[in-house]
């Protein structure tokens, strides 16, 4: 699905009355849904990462929105996704590498408010170098993630691989 199709799908989904998938939401008249930061049900993941799916399901057809909090010094290992994804930095500075080297010195620093498009099948790695960082990811599922070095796991402390 191209970028225009994603936007049209998102608008259509919202107008059809789709709801967020988390439990701590408040539904208001007219179908408006709200959730304050303290109501977000974060789940602990590998290497101290926290994650939550706010809308949809990345393993099923349709749009999804998720957030990740990377602890200081933790990045994803080099990987790719078979679908396009949009990433927005919510808090902190997020660092993104656009290759499989896992070299923190080659990353692009993205301060809070920044947005980055990840094209389908593009190898990358990303996360935190100095401080915790929160990002929001939007895409269309189902999405498959392929790790370039699966023996390294999904997350860790980056170092130059090649």
N, C-alpha and C. Protein backbone atom coordinates (compact mmCIF):
# COMPACT_ATOMS: atom_id res chain seq x y z
N UNK A 1 0.85 -1.17 0.00
CA UNK A 1 0.00 0.00 0.00
C UNK A 1 0.90 1.23 0.00
N UNK A 2 0.64 2.18 -0.89
CA UNK A 2 1.45 3.39 -0.93
C UNK A 2 1.05 4.35 0.18
N UNK A 3 1.81 5.47 0.33
CA UNK A 3 1.57 6.41 1.42
C UNK A 3 0.18 7.02 1.36
N UNK A 4 -0.31 7.36 0.17
CA UNK A 4 -1.64 7.92 0.03
C UNK A 4 -2.69 6.91 0.46
N UNK A 5 -2.49 5.65 0.10
CA UNK A 5 -3.41 4.59 0.50
C UNK A 5 -3.46 4.41 2.01
N UNK A 6 -2.30 4.54 2.67
CA UNK A 6 -2.26 4.41 4.12
C UNK A 6 -3.10 5.50 4.77
N UNK A 7 -2.94 6.73 4.30
CA UNK A 7 -3.69 7.85 4.86
C UNK A 7 -5.19 7.64 4.64
N UNK A 8 -5.59 7.25 3.44
CA UNK A 8 -7.01 7.01 3.16
C UNK A 8 -7.54 5.88 4.02
N UNK A 9 -6.74 4.82 4.21
CA UNK A 9 -7.17 3.69 5.03
C UNK A 9 -7.36 4.14 6.48
N UNK A 10 -6.40 4.93 7.00
CA UNK A 10 -6.48 5.41 8.37
C UNK A 10 -7.74 6.24 8.57
N UNK A 11 -8.01 7.15 7.66
CA UNK A 11 -9.20 8.01 7.77
C UNK A 11 -10.46 7.15 7.71
N UNK A 12 -10.50 6.21 6.79
CA UNK A 12 -11.66 5.33 6.67
C UNK A 12 -11.87 4.49 7.90
N UNK A 13 -10.78 3.98 8.47
CA UNK A 13 -10.88 3.16 9.67
C UNK A 13 -11.43 3.97 10.83
N UNK A 14 -10.95 5.18 11.00
CA UNK A 14 -11.42 6.02 12.09
C UNK A 14 -12.91 6.34 11.93
N UNK A 15 -13.34 6.68 10.72
CA UNK A 15 -14.74 7.02 10.49
C UNK A 15 -15.66 5.80 10.60
N UNK A 16 -15.13 4.61 10.45
CA UNK A 16 -15.95 3.40 10.57
C UNK A 16 -16.12 2.99 12.03
N UNK A 17 -15.53 3.73 12.96
CA UNK A 17 -15.75 3.46 14.38
C UNK A 17 -14.78 2.48 14.99
N UNK A 18 -13.62 2.26 14.39
CA UNK A 18 -12.63 1.38 14.99
C UNK A 18 -12.18 1.96 16.33
N UNK A 19 -11.84 1.09 17.27
CA UNK A 19 -11.42 1.57 18.59
C UNK A 19 -10.01 1.10 18.88
N UNK A 20 -9.39 1.77 19.83
CA UNK A 20 -8.06 1.39 20.27
C UNK A 20 -8.13 0.04 20.95
N UNK A 21 -7.03 -0.68 20.96
CA UNK A 21 -7.03 -2.04 21.49
C UNK A 21 -6.58 -2.12 22.94
N UNK A 22 -6.19 -1.02 23.55
CA UNK A 22 -5.76 -1.07 24.94
C UNK A 22 -6.95 -0.89 25.86
N UNK A 23 -6.84 -1.34 27.09
CA UNK A 23 -7.97 -1.35 28.00
C UNK A 23 -8.19 -0.08 28.80
N UNK A 24 -7.23 0.80 28.93
CA UNK A 24 -7.36 1.97 29.80
C UNK A 24 -7.85 3.20 29.04
N UNK A 25 -8.61 3.02 28.03
CA UNK A 25 -9.10 4.13 27.23
C UNK A 25 -10.42 4.66 27.78
N UNK A 26 -10.75 5.90 27.42
CA UNK A 26 -12.04 6.48 27.74
C UNK A 26 -12.71 6.79 26.41
N UNK A 27 -13.93 6.27 26.23
CA UNK A 27 -14.67 6.53 25.00
C UNK A 27 -15.71 7.60 25.31
N UNK A 28 -15.68 8.67 24.52
CA UNK A 28 -16.55 9.83 24.71
C UNK A 28 -17.67 9.82 23.68
N UNK A 29 -18.70 10.64 23.89
CA UNK A 29 -19.77 10.75 22.89
C UNK A 29 -19.19 11.08 21.51
N UNK A 30 -19.78 10.50 20.50
CA UNK A 30 -19.31 10.72 19.15
C UNK A 30 -18.19 9.78 18.74
N UNK A 31 -17.77 8.88 19.64
CA UNK A 31 -16.72 7.93 19.31
C UNK A 31 -15.31 8.40 19.58
N UNK A 32 -15.13 9.56 20.20
CA UNK A 32 -13.79 10.04 20.52
C UNK A 32 -13.18 9.17 21.62
N UNK A 33 -11.90 8.86 21.49
CA UNK A 33 -11.20 8.02 22.45
C UNK A 33 -10.02 8.80 23.00
N UNK A 34 -9.87 8.77 24.34
CA UNK A 34 -8.73 9.45 24.96
C UNK A 34 -7.99 8.48 25.88
N UNK A 35 -6.72 8.80 26.11
CA UNK A 35 -5.90 8.03 27.03
C UNK A 35 -4.77 8.96 27.48
N UNK A 36 -4.62 9.14 28.78
CA UNK A 36 -3.54 9.97 29.29
C UNK A 36 -2.28 9.12 29.41
N UNK A 37 -1.11 9.76 29.54
CA UNK A 37 0.13 8.97 29.66
C UNK A 37 0.09 7.95 30.79
N UNK A 38 -0.53 8.29 31.91
CA UNK A 38 -0.56 7.35 33.03
C UNK A 38 -1.49 6.15 32.77
N UNK A 39 -2.35 6.24 31.77
CA UNK A 39 -3.27 5.15 31.44
C UNK A 39 -2.71 4.19 30.39
N UNK A 40 -1.55 4.50 29.82
CA UNK A 40 -0.97 3.63 28.80
C UNK A 40 -0.40 2.38 29.46
N UNK A 41 -0.87 1.19 29.06
CA UNK A 41 -0.43 -0.07 29.71
C UNK A 41 0.86 -0.63 29.09
N UNK A 42 1.99 -0.03 29.43
CA UNK A 42 3.28 -0.47 28.92
C UNK A 42 3.55 -1.91 29.32
N UNK A 43 4.23 -2.66 28.45
CA UNK A 43 4.66 -4.02 28.75
C UNK A 43 6.18 -4.08 28.64
N UNK A 44 6.82 -4.80 29.56
CA UNK A 44 8.27 -4.97 29.53
C UNK A 44 8.65 -5.95 28.43
N UNK A 45 9.76 -5.66 27.77
CA UNK A 45 10.25 -6.49 26.67
C UNK A 45 11.75 -6.72 26.86
N UNK A 46 12.35 -7.33 25.87
CA UNK A 46 13.77 -7.67 25.87
C UNK A 46 14.65 -6.44 26.10
N UNK A 47 15.73 -6.60 26.85
CA UNK A 47 16.76 -5.58 27.10
C UNK A 47 16.21 -4.31 27.74
N UNK A 48 15.12 -4.42 28.51
CA UNK A 48 14.58 -3.26 29.20
C UNK A 48 13.64 -2.41 28.37
N UNK A 49 13.41 -2.78 27.13
CA UNK A 49 12.49 -2.05 26.26
C UNK A 49 11.08 -2.15 26.82
N UNK A 50 10.31 -1.06 26.70
CA UNK A 50 8.89 -1.07 27.04
C UNK A 50 8.13 -0.86 25.75
N UNK A 51 6.99 -1.54 25.61
CA UNK A 51 6.23 -1.45 24.37
C UNK A 51 4.73 -1.50 24.65
N UNK A 52 3.95 -0.91 23.74
CA UNK A 52 2.49 -0.97 23.83
C UNK A 52 1.92 -0.82 22.42
N UNK A 53 0.88 -1.57 22.14
CA UNK A 53 0.14 -1.39 20.89
C UNK A 53 -1.08 -0.54 21.23
N UNK A 54 -1.15 0.65 20.65
CA UNK A 54 -2.24 1.57 20.93
C UNK A 54 -3.46 1.32 20.06
N UNK A 55 -3.23 0.81 18.85
CA UNK A 55 -4.33 0.62 17.90
C UNK A 55 -3.97 -0.50 16.95
N UNK A 56 -4.93 -1.35 16.63
CA UNK A 56 -4.72 -2.41 15.65
C UNK A 56 -3.85 -3.52 16.17
N UNK A 57 -3.27 -4.27 15.24
CA UNK A 57 -2.42 -5.41 15.56
C UNK A 57 -1.44 -5.60 14.41
N UNK A 58 -0.13 -5.41 14.65
CA UNK A 58 0.86 -5.54 13.56
C UNK A 58 0.86 -6.91 12.87
N UNK A 59 0.29 -7.92 13.51
CA UNK A 59 0.29 -9.27 12.91
C UNK A 59 -0.96 -9.52 12.06
N UNK A 60 -1.87 -8.55 12.02
CA UNK A 60 -3.12 -8.74 11.28
C UNK A 60 -3.28 -7.63 10.24
N UNK A 61 -4.13 -7.86 9.23
CA UNK A 61 -4.36 -6.81 8.22
C UNK A 61 -4.93 -5.54 8.86
N UNK A 62 -4.44 -4.42 8.39
CA UNK A 62 -4.95 -3.13 8.86
C UNK A 62 -3.88 -2.27 9.49
N UNK A 63 -4.27 -1.05 9.77
CA UNK A 63 -3.35 -0.08 10.35
C UNK A 63 -3.07 -0.41 11.81
N UNK A 64 -1.87 -0.12 12.26
CA UNK A 64 -1.54 -0.28 13.68
C UNK A 64 -0.70 0.90 14.12
N UNK A 65 -0.79 1.20 15.41
CA UNK A 65 0.02 2.25 16.02
C UNK A 65 0.58 1.66 17.30
N UNK A 66 1.89 1.75 17.46
CA UNK A 66 2.53 1.23 18.67
C UNK A 66 3.56 2.23 19.17
N UNK A 67 3.95 2.09 20.41
CA UNK A 67 5.01 2.91 20.99
C UNK A 67 6.05 2.00 21.63
N UNK A 68 7.29 2.46 21.60
CA UNK A 68 8.40 1.79 22.27
C UNK A 68 9.16 2.82 23.09
N UNK A 69 9.62 2.42 24.26
CA UNK A 69 10.56 3.22 25.05
C UNK A 69 11.85 2.40 25.13
N UNK A 70 12.92 2.97 24.55
CA UNK A 70 14.24 2.35 24.61
C UNK A 70 14.98 2.91 25.82
N UNK A 71 15.53 2.06 26.70
CA UNK A 71 16.35 2.58 27.79
C UNK A 71 17.67 3.13 27.24
N UNK A 72 18.34 3.95 28.02
CA UNK A 72 19.61 4.54 27.60
C UNK A 72 20.58 3.47 27.13
N UNK A 73 21.15 3.67 25.94
CA UNK A 73 22.18 2.78 25.40
C UNK A 73 21.69 1.55 24.68
N UNK A 74 20.38 1.35 24.57
CA UNK A 74 19.84 0.15 23.92
C UNK A 74 19.29 0.49 22.54
N UNK A 75 19.69 -0.32 21.56
CA UNK A 75 19.20 -0.15 20.19
C UNK A 75 18.73 -1.50 19.65
N UNK A 76 17.86 -1.44 18.65
CA UNK A 76 17.50 -2.67 17.94
C UNK A 76 18.70 -3.13 17.13
N UNK A 77 18.84 -4.43 16.94
CA UNK A 77 19.87 -4.93 16.06
C UNK A 77 19.41 -4.72 14.61
N UNK A 78 20.32 -4.75 13.64
CA UNK A 78 19.93 -4.50 12.24
C UNK A 78 18.82 -5.46 11.78
N UNK A 79 17.81 -4.86 11.15
CA UNK A 79 16.65 -5.62 10.71
C UNK A 79 15.92 -4.87 9.59
N UNK A 80 14.91 -5.51 9.04
CA UNK A 80 14.04 -4.86 8.05
C UNK A 80 12.61 -5.33 8.29
N UNK A 81 11.66 -4.58 7.74
CA UNK A 81 10.25 -4.94 7.79
C UNK A 81 9.76 -5.05 6.36
N UNK A 82 8.81 -5.92 6.11
CA UNK A 82 8.32 -6.10 4.74
C UNK A 82 7.24 -5.08 4.36
N UNK A 83 6.94 -4.15 5.25
CA UNK A 83 5.97 -3.09 4.98
C UNK A 83 6.58 -1.74 5.36
N UNK A 84 6.11 -0.67 4.72
CA UNK A 84 6.52 0.68 5.11
C UNK A 84 6.08 0.97 6.55
N UNK A 85 6.86 1.84 7.23
CA UNK A 85 6.50 2.28 8.58
C UNK A 85 6.89 3.74 8.76
N UNK A 86 6.13 4.44 9.56
CA UNK A 86 6.42 5.83 9.93
C UNK A 86 6.74 5.87 11.41
N UNK A 87 7.83 6.55 11.78
CA UNK A 87 8.25 6.65 13.17
C UNK A 87 8.27 8.12 13.58
N UNK A 88 7.65 8.44 14.73
CA UNK A 88 7.66 9.78 15.29
C UNK A 88 8.33 9.71 16.65
N UNK A 89 9.27 10.62 16.90
CA UNK A 89 9.96 10.66 18.19
C UNK A 89 9.10 11.47 19.16
N UNK A 90 8.72 10.85 20.26
CA UNK A 90 7.86 11.49 21.25
C UNK A 90 8.70 12.19 22.33
N UNK A 91 9.71 11.48 22.88
CA UNK A 91 10.57 12.03 23.94
C UNK A 91 12.00 11.58 23.69
N UNK A 92 12.95 12.45 24.05
CA UNK A 92 14.36 12.11 23.94
C UNK A 92 14.89 12.27 22.52
N UNK A 93 16.10 11.78 22.30
CA UNK A 93 16.71 11.78 20.97
C UNK A 93 16.88 10.34 20.53
N UNK A 94 16.29 10.04 19.38
CA UNK A 94 16.32 8.70 18.80
C UNK A 94 17.41 8.69 17.75
N UNK A 95 18.17 7.62 17.69
CA UNK A 95 19.26 7.49 16.73
C UNK A 95 18.92 6.35 15.77
N UNK A 96 19.02 6.62 14.48
CA UNK A 96 18.67 5.62 13.47
C UNK A 96 19.83 5.41 12.51
N UNK A 97 20.19 4.14 12.34
CA UNK A 97 21.18 3.77 11.34
C UNK A 97 20.48 3.20 10.13
N UNK A 98 20.98 3.51 8.96
CA UNK A 98 20.30 3.11 7.71
C UNK A 98 21.08 2.04 6.95
N UNK A 99 21.68 1.13 7.72
CA UNK A 99 22.42 0.01 7.12
C UNK A 99 22.49 -1.11 8.14
N UNK A 100 23.27 -2.13 7.86
CA UNK A 100 23.39 -3.27 8.76
C UNK A 100 24.62 -3.27 9.63
N UNK A 101 25.34 -2.15 9.69
CA UNK A 101 26.62 -2.12 10.42
C UNK A 101 26.46 -2.13 11.94
N UNK A 102 25.36 -1.64 12.47
CA UNK A 102 25.09 -1.49 13.90
C UNK A 102 26.13 -0.59 14.57
N UNK A 103 26.67 0.32 13.79
CA UNK A 103 27.69 1.26 14.27
C UNK A 103 26.99 2.51 14.80
N UNK A 104 27.02 2.75 16.11
CA UNK A 104 26.32 3.92 16.64
C UNK A 104 26.86 5.24 16.11
N UNK A 105 28.11 5.26 15.64
CA UNK A 105 28.70 6.49 15.11
C UNK A 105 28.11 6.88 13.75
N UNK A 106 27.42 5.94 13.08
CA UNK A 106 26.87 6.23 11.76
C UNK A 106 25.37 6.58 11.80
N UNK A 107 24.83 6.75 13.00
CA UNK A 107 23.39 7.00 13.11
C UNK A 107 23.01 8.45 12.86
N UNK A 108 21.73 8.65 12.57
CA UNK A 108 21.14 9.97 12.37
C UNK A 108 20.42 10.34 13.67
N UNK A 109 20.82 11.44 14.35
CA UNK A 109 20.11 11.84 15.57
C UNK A 109 18.78 12.52 15.22
N UNK A 110 17.72 12.10 15.90
CA UNK A 110 16.38 12.61 15.65
C UNK A 110 15.79 13.08 16.99
N UNK A 111 15.77 14.40 17.25
CA UNK A 111 15.22 14.89 18.52
C UNK A 111 13.68 14.76 18.57
N UNK A 112 13.12 14.93 19.75
CA UNK A 112 11.67 14.85 19.94
C UNK A 112 10.95 15.72 18.92
N UNK A 113 9.89 15.17 18.34
CA UNK A 113 9.12 15.85 17.30
C UNK A 113 9.52 15.46 15.90
N UNK A 114 10.66 14.78 15.75
CA UNK A 114 11.13 14.34 14.43
C UNK A 114 10.29 13.18 13.91
N UNK A 115 10.25 13.04 12.59
CA UNK A 115 9.54 11.97 11.92
C UNK A 115 10.47 11.32 10.91
N UNK A 116 10.40 10.00 10.78
CA UNK A 116 11.22 9.28 9.80
C UNK A 116 10.38 8.21 9.12
N UNK A 117 10.52 8.11 7.82
CA UNK A 117 9.86 7.07 7.03
C UNK A 117 10.83 5.93 6.82
N UNK A 118 10.40 4.71 7.11
CA UNK A 118 11.20 3.51 6.86
C UNK A 118 10.56 2.77 5.69
N UNK A 119 11.22 2.75 4.53
CA UNK A 119 10.64 2.02 3.40
C UNK A 119 10.70 0.51 3.63
N UNK A 120 9.76 -0.20 3.06
CA UNK A 120 9.71 -1.66 3.16
C UNK A 120 11.04 -2.26 2.72
N UNK A 121 11.50 -3.26 3.45
CA UNK A 121 12.70 -4.05 3.16
C UNK A 121 14.02 -3.29 3.29
N UNK A 122 14.00 -2.08 3.84
CA UNK A 122 15.23 -1.32 4.05
C UNK A 122 15.85 -1.72 5.40
N UNK A 123 17.09 -2.17 5.38
CA UNK A 123 17.77 -2.58 6.61
C UNK A 123 18.10 -1.33 7.42
N UNK A 124 17.86 -1.43 8.72
CA UNK A 124 18.12 -0.30 9.63
C UNK A 124 18.28 -0.83 11.06
N UNK A 125 18.71 0.06 11.94
CA UNK A 125 18.75 -0.21 13.38
C UNK A 125 18.49 1.13 14.06
N UNK A 126 17.98 1.10 15.27
CA UNK A 126 17.63 2.37 15.90
C UNK A 126 17.41 2.20 17.39
N UNK A 127 17.39 3.32 18.10
CA UNK A 127 17.14 3.30 19.54
C UNK A 127 17.80 4.47 20.23
N UNK A 128 18.34 4.20 21.41
CA UNK A 128 18.88 5.23 22.28
C UNK A 128 20.40 5.09 22.40
N UNK A 129 21.05 6.21 22.54
CA UNK A 129 22.48 6.17 22.85
C UNK A 129 22.77 6.71 24.25
N UNK A 130 22.11 7.81 24.65
CA UNK A 130 22.47 8.48 25.89
C UNK A 130 21.36 8.59 26.91
N UNK A 131 20.11 8.55 26.49
CA UNK A 131 18.98 8.80 27.37
C UNK A 131 17.81 7.92 26.93
N UNK A 132 16.85 7.66 27.80
CA UNK A 132 15.67 6.93 27.34
C UNK A 132 14.99 7.70 26.21
N UNK A 133 14.41 6.98 25.28
CA UNK A 133 13.74 7.61 24.14
C UNK A 133 12.44 6.87 23.85
N UNK A 134 11.38 7.65 23.58
CA UNK A 134 10.07 7.09 23.26
C UNK A 134 9.72 7.42 21.82
N UNK A 135 9.32 6.40 21.06
CA UNK A 135 8.92 6.58 19.67
C UNK A 135 7.55 5.97 19.44
N UNK A 136 6.85 6.52 18.46
CA UNK A 136 5.57 5.96 18.03
C UNK A 136 5.72 5.48 16.59
N UNK A 137 5.26 4.27 16.32
CA UNK A 137 5.41 3.64 15.00
C UNK A 137 4.02 3.38 14.43
N UNK A 138 3.84 3.76 13.18
CA UNK A 138 2.58 3.52 12.49
C UNK A 138 2.87 2.75 11.22
N UNK A 139 2.06 1.74 10.95
CA UNK A 139 2.23 0.96 9.74
C UNK A 139 0.95 0.21 9.41
N UNK A 140 1.04 -0.61 8.38
CA UNK A 140 -0.08 -1.44 7.96
C UNK A 140 0.36 -2.90 8.05
N UNK A 141 -0.43 -3.70 8.75
CA UNK A 141 -0.12 -5.10 8.92
C UNK A 141 -0.81 -5.96 7.88
N UNK A 142 -0.47 -7.23 7.84
CA UNK A 142 0.53 -7.81 8.73
C UNK A 142 1.94 -7.40 8.31
N UNK A 143 2.80 -7.23 9.30
CA UNK A 143 4.18 -6.86 9.04
C UNK A 143 5.09 -7.96 9.56
N UNK A 144 6.12 -8.27 8.78
CA UNK A 144 7.10 -9.28 9.17
C UNK A 144 8.44 -8.57 9.35
N UNK A 145 9.12 -8.86 10.45
CA UNK A 145 10.44 -8.30 10.74
C UNK A 145 11.49 -9.39 10.54
N UNK A 146 12.55 -9.06 9.81
CA UNK A 146 13.64 -10.00 9.56
C UNK A 146 14.92 -9.42 10.17
N UNK A 147 15.52 -10.14 11.10
CA UNK A 147 16.76 -9.70 11.74
C UNK A 147 17.95 -10.20 10.93
N UNK A 148 18.90 -9.31 10.67
CA UNK A 148 20.06 -9.63 9.84
C UNK A 148 21.02 -10.55 10.59
N UNK A 149 21.15 -10.36 11.90
CA UNK A 149 22.03 -11.18 12.74
C UNK A 149 21.19 -11.78 13.87
N UNK A 150 20.38 -12.79 13.59
CA UNK A 150 19.44 -13.30 14.59
C UNK A 150 20.10 -13.81 15.87
N UNK A 151 21.35 -14.24 15.82
CA UNK A 151 22.02 -14.72 17.02
C UNK A 151 22.29 -13.61 18.03
N UNK A 152 22.24 -12.35 17.58
CA UNK A 152 22.45 -11.21 18.49
C UNK A 152 21.20 -10.86 19.28
N UNK A 153 20.06 -11.42 18.93
CA UNK A 153 18.80 -11.05 19.57
C UNK A 153 18.20 -9.84 18.87
N UNK A 154 17.15 -9.29 19.46
CA UNK A 154 16.46 -8.15 18.85
C UNK A 154 17.00 -6.80 19.30
N UNK A 155 17.54 -6.74 20.52
CA UNK A 155 18.01 -5.47 21.08
C UNK A 155 19.30 -5.69 21.84
N UNK A 156 20.07 -4.61 22.01
CA UNK A 156 21.30 -4.71 22.77
C UNK A 156 22.06 -3.40 22.73
N UNK A 157 23.29 -3.45 23.19
CA UNK A 157 24.18 -2.29 23.19
C UNK A 157 24.97 -2.31 21.87
N UNK A 158 24.80 -1.31 21.02
CA UNK A 158 25.38 -1.34 19.68
C UNK A 158 26.89 -1.26 19.65
N UNK A 159 27.47 -1.88 18.66
CA UNK A 159 28.89 -1.79 18.35
C UNK A 159 29.05 -2.07 16.88
N UNK A 160 30.11 -1.58 16.27
CA UNK A 160 30.30 -1.74 14.84
C UNK A 160 30.53 -3.21 14.51
N UNK A 161 29.72 -3.74 13.59
CA UNK A 161 29.82 -5.14 13.20
C UNK A 161 30.70 -5.38 11.99
N UNK A 162 30.75 -4.43 11.07
CA UNK A 162 31.57 -4.63 9.86
C UNK A 162 32.19 -3.35 9.40
